[in-house]
Structure formats: C-alpha cells, structure tokens
C-alpha atoms as a PDB file:
ATOM      1  CA  MET A   1       7.452 -83.040 -82.102  1.00  0.00           C
ATOM      2  CA  ALA A   2       9.399 -82.785 -85.101  1.00  0.00           C
ATOM      3  CA  THR A   3      13.135 -83.999 -84.946  1.00  0.00           C
ATOM      4  CA  VAL A   4      16.575 -83.835 -86.477  1.00  0.00           C
ATOM      5  CA  ARG A   5      19.413 -86.495 -86.963  1.00  0.00           C
ATOM      6  CA  ALA A   6      22.769 -84.945 -85.800  1.00  0.00           C
ATOM      7  CA  TRP A   7      26.359 -86.609 -84.430  1.00  0.00           C
ATOM      8  CA  THR A   8      28.526 -85.492 -82.079  1.00  0.00           C
ATOM      9  CA  ARG A   9      31.991 -86.530 -80.932  1.00  0.00           C
ATOM     10  CA  GLN A  10      32.337 -86.520 -77.295  1.00  0.00           C
ATOM     11  CA  VAL A  11      34.960 -87.994 -74.779  1.00  0.00           C
ATOM     12  CA  PRO A  12      33.156 -91.035 -72.977  1.00  0.00           C
ATOM     13  CA  GLN A  13      32.914 -88.664 -69.684  1.00  0.00           C
ATOM     14  CA  VAL A  14      30.088 -86.940 -71.373  1.00  0.00           C
ATOM     15  CA  TRP A  15      27.874 -90.511 -71.778  1.00  0.00           C
ATOM     16  CA  ASP A  16      28.644 -91.085 -68.070  1.00  0.00           C
ATOM     17  CA  GLU A  17      27.358 -87.966 -67.181  1.00  0.00           C
ATOM     18  CA  ILE A  18      24.328 -88.301 -69.201  1.00  0.00           C
ATOM     19  CA  GLN A  19      23.306 -91.395 -67.714  1.00  0.00           C
ATOM     20  CA  SER A  20      24.145 -90.030 -63.984  1.00  0.00           C
ATOM     21  CA  THR A  21      22.768 -87.094 -63.793  1.00  0.00           C
ATOM     22  CA  GLY A  22      20.036 -86.947 -66.463  1.00  0.00           C
ATOM     23  CA  ARG A  23      22.069 -84.493 -68.831  1.00  0.00           C
ATOM     24  CA  TYR A  24      24.892 -83.273 -70.014  1.00  0.00           C
ATOM     25  CA  ARG A  25      25.821 -79.502 -70.798  1.00  0.00           C
ATOM     26  CA  VAL A  26      29.261 -77.744 -71.373  1.00  0.00           C
ATOM     27  CA  LEU A  27      30.805 -76.199 -68.185  1.00  0.00           C
ATOM     28  CA  GLU A  28      33.586 -73.492 -68.439  1.00  0.00           C
ATOM     29  CA  GLU A  29      35.959 -76.271 -66.935  1.00  0.00           C
ATOM     30  CA  TYR A  30      35.551 -78.429 -69.806  1.00  0.00           C
ATOM     31  CA  VAL A  31      36.485 -75.446 -72.258  1.00  0.00           C
ATOM     32  CA  ARG A  32      39.710 -74.490 -70.403  1.00  0.00           C
ATOM     33  CA  ALA A  33      40.676 -78.005 -70.051  1.00  0.00           C
ATOM     34  CA  LYS A  34      40.515 -78.418 -73.966  1.00  0.00           C
ATOM     35  CA  ASN A  35      41.520 -75.045 -75.256  1.00  0.00           C
ATOM     36  CA  ALA A  36      44.565 -74.172 -72.514  1.00  0.00           C
ATOM     37  CA  GLU A  37      45.936 -70.760 -73.391  1.00  0.00           C
ATOM     38  CA  ILE A  38      42.900 -69.574 -76.014  1.00  0.00           C
ATOM     39  CA  SER A  39      40.714 -70.775 -73.634  1.00  0.00           C
ATOM     40  CA  ASP A  40      39.509 -67.172 -72.861  1.00  0.00           C
ATOM     41  CA  TYR A  41      39.147 -66.392 -76.501  1.00  0.00           C
ATOM     42  CA  TYR A  42      36.562 -69.381 -76.959  1.00  0.00           C
ATOM     43  CA  ILE A  43      34.966 -68.550 -73.429  1.00  0.00           C
ATOM     44  CA  GLU A  44      34.197 -64.951 -74.940  1.00  0.00           C
ATOM     45  CA  LEU A  45      32.915 -66.325 -78.399  1.00  0.00           C
ATOM     46  CA  TYR A  46      31.095 -69.070 -77.362  1.00  0.00           C
ATOM     47  CA  ARG A  47      29.065 -66.727 -74.548  1.00  0.00           C
ATOM     48  CA  TRP A  48      28.400 -64.547 -77.510  1.00  0.00           C
ATOM     49  CA  LEU A  49      27.147 -67.276 -79.192  1.00  0.00           C
ATOM     50  CA  THR A  50      24.716 -68.638 -76.436  1.00  0.00           C
ATOM     51  CA  MET A  51      23.714 -64.898 -75.495  1.00  0.00           C
ATOM     52  CA  MET A  52      22.555 -64.166 -79.191  1.00  0.00           C
ATOM     53  CA  CYS A  53      20.406 -67.560 -79.444  1.00  0.00           C
ATOM     54  CA  ARG A  54      18.501 -67.433 -76.576  1.00  0.00           C
ATOM     55  CA  ASN A  55      15.425 -65.762 -77.979  1.00  0.00           C
ATOM     56  CA  ARG A  56      16.137 -67.898 -81.372  1.00  0.00           C
ATOM     57  CA  VAL A  57      16.233 -71.285 -79.925  1.00  0.00           C
ATOM     58  CA  ALA A  58      15.019 -73.581 -76.965  1.00  0.00           C
ATOM     59  CA  MET A  59      17.768 -73.927 -74.539  1.00  0.00           C
ATOM     60  CA  PRO A  60      18.017 -74.269 -70.549  1.00  0.00           C
ATOM     61  CA  GLU A  61      18.414 -71.358 -68.067  1.00  0.00           C
ATOM     62  CA  ASP A  62      21.902 -72.752 -67.356  1.00  0.00           C
ATOM     63  CA  ALA A  63      23.256 -73.040 -70.751  1.00  0.00           C
ATOM     64  CA  GLU A  64      26.601 -71.027 -71.303  1.00  0.00           C
ATOM     65  CA  PHE A  65      28.592 -72.982 -73.976  1.00  0.00           C
ATOM     66  CA  PRO A  66      27.387 -75.112 -77.206  1.00  0.00           C
ATOM     67  CA  ILE A  67      27.490 -78.231 -78.391  1.00  0.00           C
ATOM     68  CA  TRP A  68      28.660 -78.470 -82.175  1.00  0.00           C
ATOM     69  CA  LEU A  69      26.942 -81.380 -84.347  1.00  0.00           C
ATOM     70  CA  ALA A  70      27.112 -82.554 -87.661  1.00  0.00           C
ATOM     71  CA  LEU A  71      24.166 -82.679 -89.377  1.00  0.00           C
ATOM     72  CA  THR A  72      25.267 -84.703 -92.352  1.00  0.00           C
ATOM     73  CA  GLU A  73      26.601 -88.053 -92.523  1.00  0.00           C
ATOM     74  CA  ASP A  74      29.385 -87.155 -94.396  1.00  0.00           C
ATOM     75  CA  GLN A  75      30.147 -84.381 -91.792  1.00  0.00           C
ATOM     76  CA  ARG A  76      30.514 -86.706 -88.465  1.00  0.00           C
ATOM     77  CA  LEU A  77      33.828 -86.257 -87.221  1.00  0.00           C
ATOM     78  CA  PRO A  78      36.123 -89.653 -87.755  1.00  0.00           C
ATOM     79  CA  ALA A  79      36.810 -92.001 -85.030  1.00  0.00           C
ATOM     80  CA  ALA A  80      39.736 -90.851 -82.542  1.00  0.00           C
ATOM     81  CA  PRO A  81      41.073 -92.678 -79.588  1.00  0.00           C
ATOM     82  CA  ASP A  82      39.566 -92.126 -76.502  1.00  0.00           C
ATOM     83  CA  THR A  83      35.924 -90.690 -78.061  1.00  0.00           C
ATOM     84  CA  ILE A  84      32.817 -91.604 -78.613  1.00  0.00           C
ATOM     85  CA  SER A  85      30.111 -90.855 -81.150  1.00  0.00           C
ATOM     86  CA  LEU A  86      26.531 -90.282 -80.236  1.00  0.00           C
ATOM     87  CA  THR A  87      23.834 -90.018 -82.810  1.00  0.00           C
ATOM     88  CA  LEU A  88      20.868 -87.855 -81.715  1.00  0.00           C
ATOM     89  CA  ASP A  89      17.671 -87.124 -82.802  1.00  0.00           C
ATOM     90  CA  ILE A  90      16.905 -83.378 -81.383  1.00  0.00           C
ATOM     91  CA  PRO A  91      13.822 -81.523 -81.391  1.00  0.00           C
ATOM     92  CA  GLU A  92      14.029 -78.836 -83.767  1.00  0.00           C
ATOM     93  CA  GLU A  93      13.022 -76.134 -81.551  1.00  0.00           C
ATOM     94  CA  SER A  94      16.535 -76.964 -79.626  1.00  0.00           C
ATOM     95  CA  LEU A  95      18.523 -76.781 -82.618  1.00  0.00           C
ATOM     96  CA  PHE A  96      20.306 -74.161 -83.847  1.00  0.00           C
ATOM     97  CA  ILE A  97      21.755 -74.472 -87.280  1.00  0.00           C
ATOM     98  CA  LEU A  98      24.455 -71.606 -88.475  1.00  0.00           C
ATOM     99  CA  ASP A  99      26.134 -71.674 -91.609  1.00  0.00           C
ATOM    100  CA  TYR A 100      29.499 -72.899 -91.434  1.00  0.00           C
ATOM    101  CA  ASP A 101      31.618 -70.197 -93.754  1.00  0.00           C
ATOM    102  CA  ARG A 102      29.650 -67.163 -91.905  1.00  0.00           C
ATOM    103  CA  TRP A 103      30.584 -68.630 -88.383  1.00  0.00           C
ATOM    104  CA  GLY A 104      34.159 -69.090 -89.685  1.00  0.00           C
ATOM    105  CA  TYR A 105      34.154 -65.188 -90.603  1.00  0.00           C
ATOM    106  CA  ARG A 106      32.697 -64.166 -86.799  1.00  0.00           C
ATOM    107  CA  VAL A 107      35.339 -66.707 -85.162  1.00  0.00           C
ATOM    108  CA  ASN A 108      38.175 -65.122 -87.080  1.00  0.00           C
ATOM    109  CA  HIS A 109      36.822 -61.525 -86.301  1.00  0.00           C
ATOM    110  CA  TRP A 110      36.130 -60.722 -89.786  1.00  0.00           C
ATOM    111  CA  TYR A 111      33.300 -59.046 -91.597  1.00  0.00           C
ATOM    112  CA  VAL A 112      30.428 -61.283 -92.161  1.00  0.00           C
ATOM    113  CA  PRO A 113      29.015 -59.849 -95.673  1.00  0.00           C
ATOM    114  CA  ARG A 114      25.628 -59.930 -96.720  1.00  0.00           C
ATOM    115  CA  ASP A 115      26.631 -61.346 -99.918  1.00  0.00           C
ATOM    116  CA  ALA A 116      29.956 -61.203-102.407  1.00  0.00           C
ATOM    117  CA  ASN A 117      29.311 -57.609-103.606  1.00  0.00           C
ATOM    118  CA  ASP A 118      29.118 -56.472 -99.992  1.00  0.00           C
ATOM    119  CA  GLU A 119      32.544 -58.256 -99.448  1.00  0.00           C
ATOM    120  CA  ALA A 120      33.990 -56.455-102.141  1.00  0.00           C
ATOM    121  CA  ALA A 121      32.781 -53.157-101.143  1.00  0.00           C
ATOM    122  CA  PHE A 122      34.274 -53.830 -97.552  1.00  0.00           C
ATOM    123  CA  ASN A 123      37.448 -55.008 -98.787  1.00  0.00           C
ATOM    124  CA  LYS A 124      37.853 -51.718-100.773  1.00  0.00           C
ATOM    125  CA  GLU A 125      37.033 -49.850 -97.941  1.00  0.00           C
ATOM    126  CA  LEU A 126      39.694 -51.639 -96.238  1.00  0.00           C
ATOM    127  CA  GLU A 127      42.394 -51.190 -99.147  1.00  0.00           C
ATOM    128  CA  ARG A 128      41.585 -47.048 -99.113  1.00  0.00           C
ATOM    129  CA  TYR A 129      42.511 -47.415 -95.328  1.00  0.00           C
ATOM    130  CA  GLY A 130      45.464 -49.225 -95.830  1.00  0.00           C
ATOM    131  CA  ILE A 131      44.428 -52.126 -93.712  1.00  0.00           C
ATOM    132  CA  GLY A 132      45.544 -55.663 -94.562  1.00  0.00           C
ATOM    133  CA  ASN A 133      44.733 -57.543 -91.446  1.00  0.00           C
ATOM    134  CA  GLU A 134      40.672 -56.587 -90.808  1.00  0.00           C
ATOM    135  CA  ALA A 135      40.686 -59.122 -87.421  1.00  0.00           C
ATOM    136  CA  ALA A 136      43.289 -56.083 -86.117  1.00  0.00           C
ATOM    137  CA  LEU A 137      40.492 -53.779 -86.018  1.00  0.00           C
ATOM    138  CA  ILE A 138      38.613 -56.178 -83.221  1.00  0.00           C
ATOM    139  CA  THR A 139      41.882 -57.472 -81.735  1.00  0.00           C
ATOM    140  CA  GLY A 140      44.554 -54.780 -81.631  1.00  0.00           C
ATOM    141  CA  GLU A 141      44.853 -50.954 -81.304  1.00  0.00           C
ATOM    142  CA  LEU A 142      44.073 -50.947 -84.998  1.00  0.00           C
ATOM    143  CA  GLY A 143      40.101 -50.677 -83.590  1.00  0.00           C
ATOM    144  CA  ASN A 144      40.907 -47.415 -81.575  1.00  0.00           C
ATOM    145  CA  HIS A 145      42.123 -45.600 -84.967  1.00  0.00           C
ATOM    146  CA  TYR A 146      39.071 -46.645 -86.984  1.00  0.00           C
ATOM    147  CA  PRO A 147      36.459 -47.159 -84.541  1.00  0.00           C
ATOM    148  CA  ALA A 148      33.437 -46.822 -87.444  1.00  0.00           C
ATOM    149  CA  LEU A 149      35.221 -49.672 -89.141  1.00  0.00           C
ATOM    150  CA  LYS A 150      35.459 -51.561 -85.883  1.00  0.00           C
ATOM    151  CA  ARG A 151      31.508 -50.903 -85.415  1.00  0.00           C
ATOM    152  CA  LYS A 152      30.755 -52.198 -88.807  1.00  0.00           C
ATOM    153  CA  ILE A 153      32.650 -55.164 -88.561  1.00  0.00           C
ATOM    154  CA  GLN A 154      30.982 -56.097 -85.031  1.00  0.00           C
ATOM    155  CA  ALA A 155      27.321 -55.353 -86.095  1.00  0.00           C
ATOM    156  CA  SER A 156      28.000 -57.616 -89.307  1.00  0.00           C
ATOM    157  CA  TRP A 157      28.608 -60.662 -86.806  1.00  0.00           C
ATOM    158  CA  GLN A 158      24.507 -61.123 -86.784  1.00  0.00           C
ATOM    159  CA  ARG A 159      24.367 -62.127 -89.998  1.00  0.00           C
ATOM    160  CA  ALA A 160      26.444 -64.868 -88.956  1.00  0.00           C
ATOM    161  CA  LEU A 161      23.105 -66.639 -87.199  1.00  0.00           C
ATOM    162  CA  ASP A 162      20.542 -64.940 -89.567  1.00  0.00           C
ATOM    163  CA  VAL A 163      20.235 -67.612 -92.507  1.00  0.00           C
ATOM    164  CA  PRO A 164      21.769 -70.960 -92.655  1.00  0.00           C
ATOM    165  CA  ASN A 165      23.199 -72.370 -95.852  1.00  0.00           C
ATOM    166  CA  PRO A 166      20.605 -74.347 -98.157  1.00  0.00           C
ATOM    167  CA  ARG A 167      22.743 -77.267 -98.525  1.00  0.00           C
ATOM    168  CA  MET A 168      22.915 -78.891 -95.041  1.00  0.00           C
ATOM    169  CA  ASP A 169      26.264 -80.241 -95.795  1.00  0.00           C
ATOM    170  CA  LEU A 170      27.576 -76.456 -95.481  1.00  0.00           C
ATOM    171  CA  ASN A 171      25.796 -75.793 -91.991  1.00  0.00           C
ATOM    172  CA  VAL A 172      27.088 -77.011 -88.428  1.00  0.00           C
ATOM    173  CA  GLY A 173      24.248 -77.705 -85.714  1.00  0.00           C
ATOM    174  CA  VAL A 174      24.440 -76.129 -82.068  1.00  0.00           C
ATOM    175  CA  ILE A 175      22.399 -77.362 -79.049  1.00  0.00           C
ATOM    176  CA  TRP A 176      23.254 -75.980 -75.073  1.00  0.00           C
ATOM    177  CA  GLU A 177      22.636 -79.754 -73.682  1.00  0.00           C
ATOM    178  CA  ILE A 178      21.898 -83.567 -74.539  1.00  0.00           C
ATOM    179  CA  LEU A 179      19.242 -85.355 -72.811  1.00  0.00           C
ATOM    180  CA  PRO A 180      19.126 -89.226 -72.862  1.00  0.00           C
ATOM    181  CA  GLU A 181      16.163 -89.149 -74.831  1.00  0.00           C
ATOM    182  CA  TRP A 182      17.694 -87.828 -77.574  1.00  0.00           C
ATOM    183  CA  VAL A 183      20.522 -90.758 -78.245  1.00  0.00           C
ATOM    184  CA  GLN A 184      19.670 -93.013 -80.565  1.00  0.00           C
ATOM    185  CA  GLU A 185      23.175 -94.583 -80.690  1.00  0.00           C
ATOM    186  CA  VAL A 186      26.746 -94.646 -78.804  1.00  0.00           C
ATOM    187  CA  GLU A 187      29.574 -95.776 -80.818  1.00  0.00           C
ATOM    188  CA  PHE A 188      32.485 -96.392 -78.955  1.00  0.00           C
ATOM    189  CA  TYR A 189      35.939 -96.158 -79.882  1.00  0.00           C
ATOM    190  CA  GLU A 190      39.487 -97.526 -78.472  1.00  0.00           C
END
C-alpha cells in the first residue's frame, strides 16, 4: 500500500483520543469550540467538502469534517503553545489533495476559474453588472437579483476539487480520520 508523508498540528487531546479509541475524527463540537461565532460558516463549508469527496477518496461512513494536512516540510505549521505535531504516513486512497489557491476561492464564495482567461471573462461580466464583490452574490441579497451569476459561481466550486497543483507545496491535504498506524512521530510543544 502506497503512502504519502504529511503533517498536522493539533491539540494534545487528539493524540490522547487516538491512543484511547483507536482513531481521531473531527466532531462538530470541536469545530464550534475552535471557531466560535463563525462556526456555522465552517460547518457548512466542511460538510460541503465532505459530501463532494465521498466518491473521490476512502473515508469512514461517519466522517463529517476534514482534518487538514501539510504535504511538505516547508508547509508545516510552526510550534505553538499547547499543541502537538503529528507526522503521518497516509494511505494514498485516504488522502484528498486540494490546490490551496483554488480552495481559497471556494472558501471566499468566489468563482473558481478554469484558467486566467476564464477569470478575466468572469470579472468583465461582473463589471458589466456593476458588481464589485462577487461573494455578495452568495452571501447577500444580490444573488436574488442575479440568480444566473449566483448559479455560475456555485457550479464553479466543483473545479476547486478537480486538479491539484503540480507543485505539492501549493496544495493542502485532507483526510477524515487519523488511525494510530498512520502516526510516525508525535512532537509535543510546551
């Protein structure tokens, strides 16, 4: 079975959970505790990602929320108080790789272009309608006035998942559980 080396920074309780239950997965309560007043935004976004990836990658049936991974040493998050870093060897079939910039477009409710020409054409279309904030088509009343543009943005989000960047350092990894046999090293930070 081929594996990919990856890293994730977590709270120490994650390692405790892996050792005591045989796995770790993100629960809604964890997302709410971390994100407070913007939790609903992330819960909706992460559920969308999970739903879209169900047929693309091996994940447990009860998976709801992703676990984010650095795919290169340079991407590793730095040490922070009261955290740990896990070095993982992830089976390829359990790892989903996203182009970090394309995912950022999705996160911000923007149109995910096919290429630079497509992005320029879409921006011209927005300009013709006098729309300066494309996210308002999704997050506000503007989408009621321009439903075709709103649908075009939403349909484009699929492209955020289609092709990772050829440069691994411009991608981010996603899994939906951590199993103890995947853990190669645990670094504790004070």
